[in-house]
Amino acid sequence: MTLALIDYGAGNLHSVANALRAAGAQDVAITDRPEVVRSAERVVLPGVGSFKACAEGLWAIPGMVEAMDERVQVDGVPFLGICVGMQLLATRGLEHGETGGLDWIAGEVRKIERTDPAIKIPHMGWNDVSPALKDPAQGLIVPGEAYFLHSYHFQPDDGAHIAAMTDHGGGLVAAVAQDNVVGVQFHPEKSQAYGLALLARFLEWKP
């Protein structure tokens, strides 16, 4: 089973690849080639940095977004977005101006609002992950603690796409999902046993 880990200059690729292998992935292809994505049986999009920079990096690869649309949206292979890779599922991001996303899950990515002076932004460190009662991720996300690092958060238009929440001076979306697409705001590769278990479930996931 080939897993395409998309290399667009915006992720800690080797940490994610090592975590996927530790979770049981046999064939992880770190790739910026659309043809590899078109033949992959699972696709993972990491992301570190700003929404704008990540979007520009992804769209700068000729044919990559088209290959992702074809393989994930049309063919229906399982997809996992991590941190900004999850945020790119949105319609738009509002970091450094407005930037279009993949628009696979309608919504926007906006700055975390400080409602309490004691709350620090970015939201950084370990925090609870609380799955939604109506679970669009089909059991992929379970209760636990994961490692977060972000200043912007995804707000889906439809609450039915929220797979999990966390709390940082108020509720923040920790995971989104729709059909064969799931995204997590936290970093599984930095979340020790909890993160590895999530990746192992993703490798077995049959949406």
N, C-alpha and C. Protein backbone atom coordinates (compact mmCIF):
# COMPACT_ATOMS: atom_id res chain seq x y z
N MET A 1 0.84 -1.19 0.00
CA MET A 1 0.00 0.00 0.00
C MET A 1 0.88 1.24 0.00
N THR A 2 0.85 2.04 -1.06
CA THR A 2 1.62 3.26 -1.14
C THR A 2 0.87 4.41 -0.47
N LEU A 3 1.56 5.10 0.42
CA LEU A 3 1.01 6.28 1.06
C LEU A 3 1.80 7.47 0.55
N ALA A 4 1.13 8.45 -0.06
CA ALA A 4 1.78 9.65 -0.55
C ALA A 4 1.78 10.71 0.53
N LEU A 5 2.97 11.11 0.97
CA LEU A 5 3.15 12.20 1.93
C LEU A 5 3.62 13.40 1.11
N ILE A 6 2.74 14.39 0.97
CA ILE A 6 2.98 15.44 -0.01
C ILE A 6 4.02 16.43 0.49
N ASP A 7 5.05 16.63 -0.35
CA ASP A 7 6.15 17.53 -0.07
C ASP A 7 5.95 18.82 -0.86
N TYR A 8 5.53 19.88 -0.18
CA TYR A 8 5.37 21.16 -0.86
C TYR A 8 6.12 22.26 -0.10
N GLY A 9 7.16 21.85 0.62
CA GLY A 9 8.01 22.79 1.32
C GLY A 9 7.41 23.38 2.57
N ALA A 10 6.40 22.71 3.15
CA ALA A 10 5.69 23.32 4.27
C ALA A 10 5.33 22.31 5.35
N GLY A 11 6.25 21.42 5.67
CA GLY A 11 5.92 20.46 6.72
C GLY A 11 7.17 19.81 7.27
N ASN A 12 7.07 19.31 8.50
CA ASN A 12 8.19 18.55 9.08
C ASN A 12 8.05 17.11 8.57
N LEU A 13 8.38 16.94 7.29
CA LEU A 13 8.07 15.72 6.56
C LEU A 13 8.68 14.48 7.19
N HIS A 14 9.93 14.58 7.59
CA HIS A 14 10.60 13.36 8.05
C HIS A 14 10.05 12.90 9.40
N SER A 15 9.66 13.84 10.25
CA SER A 15 9.03 13.44 11.51
C SER A 15 7.69 12.75 11.25
N VAL A 16 6.91 13.30 10.31
CA VAL A 16 5.63 12.68 9.98
C VAL A 16 5.86 11.31 9.34
N ALA A 17 6.83 11.23 8.42
CA ALA A 17 7.12 9.94 7.77
C ALA A 17 7.56 8.89 8.79
N ASN A 18 8.41 9.29 9.72
CA ASN A 18 8.88 8.35 10.74
C ASN A 18 7.72 7.89 11.63
N ALA A 19 6.82 8.81 11.96
CA ALA A 19 5.67 8.43 12.78
C ALA A 19 4.75 7.48 12.03
N LEU A 20 4.53 7.74 10.74
CA LEU A 20 3.70 6.83 9.93
C LEU A 20 4.31 5.44 9.87
N ARG A 21 5.63 5.38 9.69
CA ARG A 21 6.30 4.07 9.65
C ARG A 21 6.21 3.38 11.01
N ALA A 22 6.36 4.16 12.09
CA ALA A 22 6.25 3.57 13.43
C ALA A 22 4.84 3.05 13.69
N ALA A 23 3.85 3.67 13.01
CA ALA A 23 2.45 3.25 13.18
C ALA A 23 2.09 2.07 12.28
N GLY A 24 3.03 1.68 11.40
CA GLY A 24 2.79 0.48 10.60
C GLY A 24 2.79 0.67 9.10
N ALA A 25 3.01 1.91 8.62
CA ALA A 25 3.03 2.14 7.17
C ALA A 25 4.27 1.47 6.57
N GLN A 26 4.07 0.71 5.50
CA GLN A 26 5.16 -0.02 4.88
C GLN A 26 5.82 0.76 3.76
N ASP A 27 5.05 1.57 3.05
CA ASP A 27 5.55 2.25 1.85
C ASP A 27 5.13 3.71 1.87
N VAL A 28 5.96 4.57 2.49
CA VAL A 28 5.68 6.00 2.56
C VAL A 28 6.50 6.71 1.50
N ALA A 29 5.84 7.34 0.54
CA ALA A 29 6.52 8.07 -0.52
C ALA A 29 6.42 9.56 -0.23
N ILE A 30 7.54 10.18 0.16
CA ILE A 30 7.59 11.63 0.31
C ILE A 30 7.71 12.20 -1.10
N THR A 31 6.71 12.94 -1.54
CA THR A 31 6.67 13.25 -2.97
C THR A 31 6.11 14.63 -3.28
N ASP A 32 6.65 15.22 -4.35
CA ASP A 32 6.06 16.42 -4.94
C ASP A 32 5.61 16.13 -6.37
N ARG A 33 5.38 14.84 -6.66
CA ARG A 33 5.01 14.43 -8.02
C ARG A 33 3.53 14.05 -8.08
N PRO A 34 2.74 14.76 -8.89
CA PRO A 34 1.31 14.45 -8.99
C PRO A 34 1.02 13.01 -9.39
N GLU A 35 1.87 12.42 -10.22
CA GLU A 35 1.61 11.05 -10.66
C GLU A 35 1.71 10.05 -9.52
N VAL A 36 2.54 10.36 -8.52
CA VAL A 36 2.63 9.48 -7.35
C VAL A 36 1.33 9.59 -6.53
N VAL A 37 0.82 10.80 -6.40
CA VAL A 37 -0.44 11.00 -5.68
C VAL A 37 -1.58 10.27 -6.39
N ARG A 38 -1.57 10.30 -7.71
CA ARG A 38 -2.66 9.67 -8.48
C ARG A 38 -2.69 8.15 -8.31
N SER A 39 -1.56 7.56 -7.92
CA SER A 39 -1.53 6.10 -7.75
C SER A 39 -1.51 5.67 -6.29
N ALA A 40 -1.49 6.64 -5.36
CA ALA A 40 -1.39 6.30 -3.94
C ALA A 40 -2.71 5.76 -3.42
N GLU A 41 -2.60 4.91 -2.41
CA GLU A 41 -3.80 4.34 -1.78
C GLU A 41 -4.23 5.13 -0.55
N ARG A 42 -3.36 6.00 -0.06
CA ARG A 42 -3.69 6.95 1.00
C ARG A 42 -2.85 8.20 0.77
N VAL A 43 -3.40 9.35 1.21
CA VAL A 43 -2.70 10.62 0.99
C VAL A 43 -2.67 11.38 2.31
N VAL A 44 -1.47 11.92 2.64
CA VAL A 44 -1.31 12.73 3.86
C VAL A 44 -0.72 14.08 3.46
N LEU A 45 -1.35 15.15 3.95
CA LEU A 45 -0.88 16.51 3.70
C LEU A 45 -0.47 17.14 5.02
N PRO A 46 0.83 17.29 5.28
CA PRO A 46 1.27 17.96 6.50
C PRO A 46 1.23 19.47 6.29
N GLY A 47 1.68 20.23 7.27
CA GLY A 47 1.72 21.67 7.10
C GLY A 47 2.19 22.38 8.35
N VAL A 48 3.20 23.24 8.19
CA VAL A 48 3.72 24.05 9.29
C VAL A 48 3.94 25.45 8.74
N GLY A 49 3.52 26.46 9.47
CA GLY A 49 3.69 27.84 9.03
C GLY A 49 2.35 28.51 8.81
N SER A 50 2.33 29.50 7.92
CA SER A 50 1.10 30.25 7.70
C SER A 50 0.24 29.60 6.62
N PHE A 51 -1.06 29.84 6.70
CA PHE A 51 -1.99 29.34 5.69
C PHE A 51 -1.58 29.85 4.31
N LYS A 52 -1.28 31.13 4.22
CA LYS A 52 -0.94 31.74 2.93
C LYS A 52 0.30 31.08 2.31
N ALA A 53 1.36 30.94 3.10
CA ALA A 53 2.59 30.36 2.57
C ALA A 53 2.39 28.90 2.16
N CYS A 54 1.62 28.16 2.97
CA CYS A 54 1.38 26.75 2.65
C CYS A 54 0.53 26.62 1.38
N ALA A 55 -0.51 27.44 1.27
CA ALA A 55 -1.35 27.40 0.07
C ALA A 55 -0.53 27.74 -1.17
N GLU A 56 0.30 28.79 -1.08
CA GLU A 56 1.12 29.17 -2.22
C GLU A 56 2.10 28.06 -2.60
N GLY A 57 2.67 27.39 -1.60
CA GLY A 57 3.59 26.29 -1.88
C GLY A 57 2.90 25.12 -2.56
N LEU A 58 1.69 24.81 -2.10
CA LEU A 58 0.96 23.67 -2.68
C LEU A 58 0.55 23.97 -4.12
N TRP A 59 -0.01 25.15 -4.35
CA TRP A 59 -0.47 25.50 -5.70
C TRP A 59 0.69 25.74 -6.67
N ALA A 60 1.90 25.95 -6.12
CA ALA A 60 3.06 26.19 -6.99
C ALA A 60 3.54 24.92 -7.69
N ILE A 61 3.10 23.75 -7.22
CA ILE A 61 3.52 22.49 -7.85
C ILE A 61 2.55 22.19 -8.99
N PRO A 62 3.01 22.23 -10.24
CA PRO A 62 2.10 22.03 -11.37
C PRO A 62 1.35 20.70 -11.28
N GLY A 63 0.03 20.78 -11.31
CA GLY A 63 -0.80 19.58 -11.34
C GLY A 63 -1.06 18.90 -10.02
N MET A 64 -0.47 19.41 -8.92
CA MET A 64 -0.62 18.70 -7.64
C MET A 64 -2.04 18.80 -7.09
N VAL A 65 -2.61 20.01 -7.07
CA VAL A 65 -3.97 20.15 -6.53
C VAL A 65 -4.96 19.36 -7.38
N GLU A 66 -4.77 19.35 -8.68
CA GLU A 66 -5.64 18.58 -9.57
C GLU A 66 -5.52 17.08 -9.27
N ALA A 67 -4.29 16.62 -9.02
CA ALA A 67 -4.08 15.21 -8.69
C ALA A 67 -4.74 14.86 -7.36
N MET A 68 -4.64 15.75 -6.39
CA MET A 68 -5.28 15.53 -5.09
C MET A 68 -6.79 15.48 -5.25
N ASP A 69 -7.35 16.44 -6.00
CA ASP A 69 -8.80 16.43 -6.24
C ASP A 69 -9.24 15.10 -6.86
N GLU A 70 -8.49 14.66 -7.86
CA GLU A 70 -8.85 13.44 -8.57
C GLU A 70 -8.78 12.21 -7.66
N ARG A 71 -7.69 12.10 -6.93
CA ARG A 71 -7.48 10.88 -6.14
C ARG A 71 -8.34 10.85 -4.88
N VAL A 72 -8.51 12.01 -4.24
CA VAL A 72 -9.23 12.05 -2.97
C VAL A 72 -10.72 12.30 -3.17
N GLN A 73 -11.04 13.34 -3.94
CA GLN A 73 -12.44 13.74 -4.09
C GLN A 73 -13.20 12.85 -5.07
N VAL A 74 -12.53 12.39 -6.11
CA VAL A 74 -13.21 11.56 -7.12
C VAL A 74 -13.06 10.07 -6.80
N ASP A 75 -11.80 9.64 -6.59
CA ASP A 75 -11.57 8.21 -6.35
C ASP A 75 -11.90 7.78 -4.93
N GLY A 76 -11.85 8.73 -3.99
CA GLY A 76 -12.27 8.44 -2.62
C GLY A 76 -11.26 7.74 -1.74
N VAL A 77 -9.94 7.91 -2.04
CA VAL A 77 -8.95 7.29 -1.15
C VAL A 77 -8.90 8.05 0.17
N PRO A 78 -8.53 7.40 1.26
CA PRO A 78 -8.45 8.07 2.56
C PRO A 78 -7.40 9.18 2.56
N PHE A 79 -7.77 10.30 3.17
CA PHE A 79 -6.90 11.48 3.21
C PHE A 79 -6.80 11.98 4.64
N LEU A 80 -5.59 12.39 5.05
CA LEU A 80 -5.35 12.98 6.37
C LEU A 80 -4.60 14.29 6.20
N GLY A 81 -5.17 15.39 6.70
CA GLY A 81 -4.48 16.67 6.76
C GLY A 81 -4.03 16.94 8.19
N ILE A 82 -2.81 17.44 8.34
CA ILE A 82 -2.22 17.67 9.67
C ILE A 82 -1.89 19.15 9.83
N CYS A 83 -2.38 19.77 10.90
CA CYS A 83 -2.12 21.17 11.26
C CYS A 83 -2.53 22.08 10.10
N VAL A 84 -1.60 22.79 9.45
CA VAL A 84 -2.01 23.65 8.34
C VAL A 84 -2.53 22.79 7.18
N GLY A 85 -2.07 21.55 7.07
CA GLY A 85 -2.63 20.63 6.08
C GLY A 85 -4.11 20.38 6.31
N MET A 86 -4.55 20.41 7.56
CA MET A 86 -5.98 20.35 7.88
C MET A 86 -6.66 21.67 7.54
N GLN A 87 -6.02 22.80 7.87
CA GLN A 87 -6.62 24.10 7.59
C GLN A 87 -6.83 24.32 6.10
N LEU A 88 -5.96 23.78 5.26
CA LEU A 88 -6.08 23.96 3.81
C LEU A 88 -7.32 23.28 3.23
N LEU A 89 -7.99 22.44 4.01
CA LEU A 89 -9.25 21.84 3.56
C LEU A 89 -10.35 22.89 3.45
N ALA A 90 -10.17 24.04 4.12
CA ALA A 90 -11.20 25.07 4.19
C ALA A 90 -11.37 25.81 2.87
N THR A 91 -12.43 26.58 2.78
CA THR A 91 -12.68 27.42 1.61
C THR A 91 -11.65 28.53 1.51
N ARG A 92 -11.31 29.13 2.67
CA ARG A 92 -10.39 30.25 2.65
C ARG A 92 -9.68 30.36 4.00
N GLY A 93 -8.52 31.00 3.98
CA GLY A 93 -7.81 31.34 5.19
C GLY A 93 -7.65 32.84 5.28
N LEU A 94 -7.67 33.39 6.49
CA LEU A 94 -7.61 34.83 6.69
C LEU A 94 -6.29 35.25 7.35
N GLU A 95 -5.24 34.49 7.16
CA GLU A 95 -3.92 34.80 7.71
C GLU A 95 -3.11 35.54 6.66
N HIS A 96 -2.67 36.76 6.97
CA HIS A 96 -1.96 37.61 5.99
C HIS A 96 -2.84 37.88 4.78
N GLY A 97 -4.07 38.32 5.02
CA GLY A 97 -5.02 38.54 3.94
C GLY A 97 -5.84 37.29 3.68
N GLU A 98 -6.68 37.35 2.67
CA GLU A 98 -7.54 36.21 2.34
C GLU A 98 -6.88 35.36 1.25
N THR A 99 -6.81 34.06 1.53
CA THR A 99 -6.20 33.11 0.59
C THR A 99 -7.15 31.93 0.43
N GLY A 100 -7.37 31.52 -0.80
CA GLY A 100 -8.23 30.37 -1.06
C GLY A 100 -7.60 29.06 -0.62
N GLY A 101 -8.46 28.15 -0.12
CA GLY A 101 -8.02 26.81 0.23
C GLY A 101 -8.56 25.79 -0.76
N LEU A 102 -8.48 24.52 -0.40
CA LEU A 102 -8.97 23.45 -1.27
C LEU A 102 -10.49 23.46 -1.39
N ASP A 103 -11.17 23.98 -0.36
CA ASP A 103 -12.63 24.03 -0.32
C ASP A 103 -13.25 22.63 -0.35
N TRP A 104 -12.59 21.67 0.30
CA TRP A 104 -13.15 20.33 0.43
C TRP A 104 -14.16 20.28 1.57
N ILE A 105 -13.92 21.09 2.61
CA ILE A 105 -14.86 21.22 3.73
C ILE A 105 -15.11 22.71 3.90
N ALA A 106 -16.32 23.17 3.57
CA ALA A 106 -16.62 24.60 3.55
C ALA A 106 -16.40 25.23 4.92
N GLY A 107 -15.74 26.38 4.91
CA GLY A 107 -15.46 27.09 6.15
C GLY A 107 -14.26 27.99 5.97
N GLU A 108 -13.84 28.63 7.06
CA GLU A 108 -12.68 29.51 6.96
C GLU A 108 -11.78 29.35 8.18
N VAL A 109 -10.54 29.75 7.98
CA VAL A 109 -9.52 29.67 9.02
C VAL A 109 -9.23 31.09 9.49
N ARG A 110 -9.50 31.35 10.76
CA ARG A 110 -9.34 32.71 11.28
C ARG A 110 -8.53 32.69 12.57
N LYS A 111 -8.05 33.85 12.98
CA LYS A 111 -7.19 33.96 14.15
C LYS A 111 -7.95 33.59 15.42
N ILE A 112 -7.30 32.90 16.32
CA ILE A 112 -7.89 32.60 17.62
C ILE A 112 -8.08 33.92 18.38
N GLU A 113 -9.29 34.15 18.85
CA GLU A 113 -9.58 35.38 19.57
C GLU A 113 -9.27 35.21 21.06
N ARG A 114 -8.53 36.14 21.59
CA ARG A 114 -8.17 36.08 23.01
C ARG A 114 -9.35 36.60 23.84
N THR A 115 -10.02 35.72 24.56
CA THR A 115 -11.15 36.11 25.39
C THR A 115 -10.76 36.29 26.85
N ASP A 116 -9.54 35.88 27.19
CA ASP A 116 -9.06 35.95 28.57
C ASP A 116 -7.58 36.33 28.50
N PRO A 117 -7.15 37.38 29.19
CA PRO A 117 -5.73 37.80 29.13
C PRO A 117 -4.77 36.69 29.54
N ALA A 118 -5.26 35.73 30.32
CA ALA A 118 -4.38 34.64 30.75
C ALA A 118 -4.15 33.59 29.66
N ILE A 119 -4.98 33.64 28.62
CA ILE A 119 -4.85 32.67 27.54
C ILE A 119 -3.76 33.11 26.59
N LYS A 120 -2.83 32.23 26.31
CA LYS A 120 -1.70 32.57 25.44
C LYS A 120 -1.99 32.14 24.00
N ILE A 121 -1.56 32.98 23.08
CA ILE A 121 -1.64 32.65 21.66
C ILE A 121 -0.22 32.81 21.11
N PRO A 122 0.33 31.81 20.42
CA PRO A 122 -0.37 30.63 19.92
C PRO A 122 -0.80 29.64 21.01
N HIS A 123 -1.79 28.84 20.65
CA HIS A 123 -2.20 27.69 21.45
C HIS A 123 -1.11 26.64 21.27
N MET A 124 -0.32 26.43 22.32
CA MET A 124 0.86 25.57 22.18
C MET A 124 0.94 24.62 23.36
N GLY A 125 1.16 23.36 23.04
CA GLY A 125 1.37 22.35 24.07
C GLY A 125 0.27 21.29 24.06
N TRP A 126 0.24 20.51 25.12
CA TRP A 126 -0.68 19.39 25.21
C TRP A 126 -2.07 19.87 25.63
N ASN A 127 -3.09 19.30 25.00
CA ASN A 127 -4.45 19.65 25.37
C ASN A 127 -5.37 18.48 25.03
N ASP A 128 -6.54 18.50 25.67
CA ASP A 128 -7.50 17.42 25.47
C ASP A 128 -8.09 17.44 24.07
N VAL A 129 -8.39 16.26 23.55
CA VAL A 129 -9.13 16.08 22.31
C VAL A 129 -10.45 15.39 22.68
N SER A 130 -11.56 16.07 22.40
CA SER A 130 -12.87 15.54 22.76
C SER A 130 -13.68 15.29 21.48
N PRO A 131 -13.87 14.01 21.09
CA PRO A 131 -14.60 13.71 19.87
C PRO A 131 -16.05 14.19 19.92
N ALA A 132 -16.58 14.52 18.76
CA ALA A 132 -17.98 14.93 18.65
C ALA A 132 -18.90 13.74 18.91
N LEU A 133 -20.08 14.04 19.44
CA LEU A 133 -21.05 12.96 19.70
C LEU A 133 -21.49 12.29 18.41
N LYS A 134 -21.77 13.11 17.39
CA LYS A 134 -22.04 12.57 16.06
C LYS A 134 -20.73 12.64 15.29
N ASP A 135 -20.11 11.47 15.08
CA ASP A 135 -18.71 11.40 14.67
C ASP A 135 -18.56 11.27 13.15
N PRO A 136 -18.23 12.36 12.46
CA PRO A 136 -18.04 12.24 11.01
C PRO A 136 -16.74 11.53 10.64
N ALA A 137 -15.84 11.35 11.61
CA ALA A 137 -14.56 10.68 11.34
C ALA A 137 -14.65 9.17 11.53
N GLN A 138 -15.84 8.67 11.82
CA GLN A 138 -16.07 7.22 11.85
C GLN A 138 -15.11 6.47 12.78
N GLY A 139 -14.90 7.03 13.97
CA GLY A 139 -14.10 6.34 14.97
C GLY A 139 -12.61 6.60 14.92
N LEU A 140 -12.15 7.40 13.97
CA LEU A 140 -10.71 7.68 13.88
C LEU A 140 -10.21 8.48 15.08
N ILE A 141 -11.01 9.44 15.55
CA ILE A 141 -10.59 10.31 16.64
C ILE A 141 -11.18 9.79 17.95
N VAL A 142 -10.32 9.53 18.92
CA VAL A 142 -10.77 9.05 20.23
C VAL A 142 -10.34 10.06 21.29
N PRO A 143 -10.96 10.00 22.49
CA PRO A 143 -10.57 10.94 23.54
C PRO A 143 -9.11 10.75 23.94
N GLY A 144 -8.46 11.84 24.28
CA GLY A 144 -7.07 11.75 24.72
C GLY A 144 -6.44 13.12 24.75
N GLU A 145 -5.11 13.15 24.80
CA GLU A 145 -4.36 14.39 24.80
C GLU A 145 -3.40 14.40 23.63
N ALA A 146 -3.32 15.55 22.95
CA ALA A 146 -2.44 15.67 21.79
C ALA A 146 -1.69 17.00 21.87
N TYR A 147 -0.69 17.12 21.00
CA TYR A 147 0.16 18.31 21.01
C TYR A 147 -0.29 19.28 19.93
N PHE A 148 -0.58 20.51 20.34
CA PHE A 148 -1.05 21.56 19.45
C PHE A 148 -0.01 22.67 19.32
N LEU A 149 -0.01 23.34 18.16
CA LEU A 149 0.79 24.55 17.97
C LEU A 149 0.16 25.35 16.83
N HIS A 150 -0.68 26.34 17.17
CA HIS A 150 -1.36 27.13 16.14
C HIS A 150 -1.91 28.42 16.72
N SER A 151 -2.00 29.43 15.85
CA SER A 151 -2.59 30.73 16.19
C SER A 151 -3.89 30.96 15.46
N TYR A 152 -4.16 30.16 14.44
CA TYR A 152 -5.39 30.25 13.65
C TYR A 152 -6.16 28.95 13.77
N HIS A 153 -7.48 29.00 13.61
CA HIS A 153 -8.28 27.80 13.78
C HIS A 153 -9.34 27.72 12.70
N PHE A 154 -9.74 26.49 12.40
CA PHE A 154 -10.71 26.19 11.35
C PHE A 154 -12.12 26.28 11.93
N GLN A 155 -12.97 27.07 11.26
CA GLN A 155 -14.38 27.14 11.63
C GLN A 155 -15.22 26.64 10.43
N PRO A 156 -15.65 25.38 10.45
CA PRO A 156 -16.48 24.87 9.35
C PRO A 156 -17.83 25.56 9.30
N ASP A 157 -18.37 25.73 8.10
CA ASP A 157 -19.71 26.30 7.95
C ASP A 157 -20.77 25.39 8.57
N ASP A 158 -20.56 24.09 8.46
CA ASP A 158 -21.51 23.10 8.95
C ASP A 158 -20.90 22.36 10.13
N GLY A 159 -21.51 22.52 11.30
CA GLY A 159 -20.99 21.86 12.50
C GLY A 159 -20.94 20.35 12.41
N ALA A 160 -21.67 19.77 11.46
CA ALA A 160 -21.64 18.31 11.29
C ALA A 160 -20.26 17.82 10.83
N HIS A 161 -19.43 18.73 10.34
CA HIS A 161 -18.09 18.34 9.89
C HIS A 161 -17.06 18.40 11.01
N ILE A 162 -17.46 18.84 12.21
CA ILE A 162 -16.53 18.88 13.35
C ILE A 162 -16.42 17.48 13.93
N ALA A 163 -15.20 16.94 13.91
CA ALA A 163 -14.97 15.59 14.44
C ALA A 163 -14.49 15.60 15.88
N ALA A 164 -13.89 16.71 16.33
CA ALA A 164 -13.41 16.79 17.71
C ALA A 164 -13.16 18.24 18.05
N MET A 165 -13.22 18.52 19.35
CA MET A 165 -12.96 19.86 19.87
C MET A 165 -11.87 19.80 20.93
N THR A 166 -11.26 20.96 21.18
CA THR A 166 -10.39 21.13 22.33
C THR A 166 -10.78 22.45 22.98
N ASP A 167 -10.22 22.76 24.14
CA ASP A 167 -10.59 23.98 24.85
C ASP A 167 -9.34 24.80 25.14
N HIS A 168 -9.35 26.06 24.70
CA HIS A 168 -8.26 26.98 24.99
C HIS A 168 -8.87 28.36 25.16
N GLY A 169 -9.41 28.60 26.35
CA GLY A 169 -10.15 29.82 26.59
C GLY A 169 -11.45 29.85 25.82
N GLY A 170 -11.98 28.69 25.52
CA GLY A 170 -13.16 28.52 24.68
C GLY A 170 -12.91 27.38 23.71
N GLY A 171 -13.97 26.92 23.09
CA GLY A 171 -13.83 25.76 22.22
C GLY A 171 -13.12 26.10 20.92
N LEU A 172 -12.20 25.21 20.52
CA LEU A 172 -11.52 25.28 19.23
C LEU A 172 -11.68 23.94 18.54
N VAL A 173 -11.83 23.96 17.23
CA VAL A 173 -11.97 22.72 16.47
C VAL A 173 -10.63 21.99 16.44
N ALA A 174 -10.62 20.74 16.90
CA ALA A 174 -9.41 19.93 16.92
C ALA A 174 -9.33 18.99 15.73
N ALA A 175 -10.49 18.66 15.12
CA ALA A 175 -10.48 17.76 13.96
C ALA A 175 -11.75 17.99 13.15
N VAL A 176 -11.62 17.83 11.84
CA VAL A 176 -12.77 17.91 10.94
C VAL A 176 -12.79 16.65 10.07
N ALA A 177 -13.96 16.34 9.53
CA ALA A 177 -14.05 15.16 8.67
C ALA A 177 -15.28 15.26 7.78
N GLN A 178 -15.15 14.66 6.62
CA GLN A 178 -16.27 14.49 5.70
C GLN A 178 -15.93 13.31 4.78
N ASP A 179 -16.75 12.28 4.85
CA ASP A 179 -16.55 11.09 4.01
C ASP A 179 -15.15 10.52 4.21
N ASN A 180 -14.32 10.51 3.16
CA ASN A 180 -12.98 9.91 3.22
C ASN A 180 -11.89 10.90 3.59
N VAL A 181 -12.30 12.11 4.02
CA VAL A 181 -11.34 13.18 4.34
C VAL A 181 -11.40 13.49 5.82
N VAL A 182 -10.22 13.49 6.46
CA VAL A 182 -10.15 13.88 7.87
C VAL A 182 -8.96 14.81 8.03
N GLY A 183 -9.10 15.80 8.91
CA GLY A 183 -8.01 16.71 9.22
C GLY A 183 -7.91 16.90 10.72
N VAL A 184 -6.69 16.99 11.22
CA VAL A 184 -6.47 17.21 12.66
C VAL A 184 -5.62 18.45 12.85
N GLN A 185 -6.03 19.32 13.78
CA GLN A 185 -5.29 20.54 14.06
C GLN A 185 -4.01 20.23 14.83
N PHE A 186 -4.02 19.18 15.61
CA PHE A 186 -2.86 18.81 16.41
C PHE A 186 -1.84 18.04 15.56
N HIS A 187 -0.70 17.78 16.16
CA HIS A 187 0.38 17.07 15.48
C HIS A 187 0.47 15.62 15.98
N PRO A 188 -0.03 14.65 15.23
CA PRO A 188 0.09 13.25 15.67
C PRO A 188 1.55 12.84 15.86
N GLU A 189 2.43 13.36 15.00
CA GLU A 189 3.84 12.95 15.06
C GLU A 189 4.53 13.46 16.32
N LYS A 190 3.90 14.43 17.03
CA LYS A 190 4.47 14.95 18.28
C LYS A 190 3.63 14.52 19.49
N SER A 191 2.63 13.68 19.25
CA SER A 191 1.67 13.34 20.30
C SER A 191 1.87 11.95 20.88
N GLN A 192 3.08 11.43 20.74
CA GLN A 192 3.50 10.19 21.40
C GLN A 192 2.50 9.06 21.13
N ALA A 193 2.15 8.30 22.16
CA ALA A 193 1.32 7.10 21.94
C ALA A 193 -0.04 7.44 21.36
N TYR A 194 -0.61 8.56 21.78
CA TYR A 194 -1.93 8.96 21.26
C TYR A 194 -1.85 9.20 19.75
N GLY A 195 -0.82 9.92 19.32
CA GLY A 195 -0.67 10.23 17.91
C GLY A 195 -0.38 9.01 17.07
N LEU A 196 0.49 8.13 17.56
CA LEU A 196 0.81 6.91 16.80
C LEU A 196 -0.42 6.02 16.65
N ALA A 197 -1.23 5.95 17.70
CA ALA A 197 -2.45 5.14 17.63
C ALA A 197 -3.43 5.72 16.59
N LEU A 198 -3.51 7.05 16.53
CA LEU A 198 -4.36 7.68 15.52
C LEU A 198 -3.87 7.33 14.12
N LEU A 199 -2.57 7.45 13.90
CA LEU A 199 -2.02 7.14 12.58
C LEU A 199 -2.24 5.67 12.23
N ALA A 200 -2.13 4.79 13.21
CA ALA A 200 -2.36 3.38 12.95
C ALA A 200 -3.81 3.14 12.54
N ARG A 201 -4.76 3.84 13.18
CA ARG A 201 -6.16 3.71 12.78
C ARG A 201 -6.37 4.25 11.37
N PHE A 202 -5.69 5.36 11.05
CA PHE A 202 -5.82 5.92 9.70
C PHE A 202 -5.35 4.92 8.65
N LEU A 203 -4.27 4.21 8.94
CA LEU A 203 -3.73 3.25 7.98
C LEU A 203 -4.69 2.09 7.73
N GLU A 204 -5.56 1.84 8.68
CA GLU A 204 -6.54 0.75 8.53
C GLU A 204 -7.92 1.25 8.13
N TRP A 205 -8.09 2.56 8.07
CA TRP A 205 -9.39 3.18 7.86
C TRP A 205 -9.97 2.83 6.50
N LYS A 206 -11.23 2.45 6.49
CA LYS A 206 -11.93 2.13 5.24
C LYS A 206 -13.25 2.91 5.19
N PRO A 207 -13.16 4.20 4.86
CA PRO A 207 -14.36 5.05 4.86
C PRO A 207 -15.30 4.69 3.71
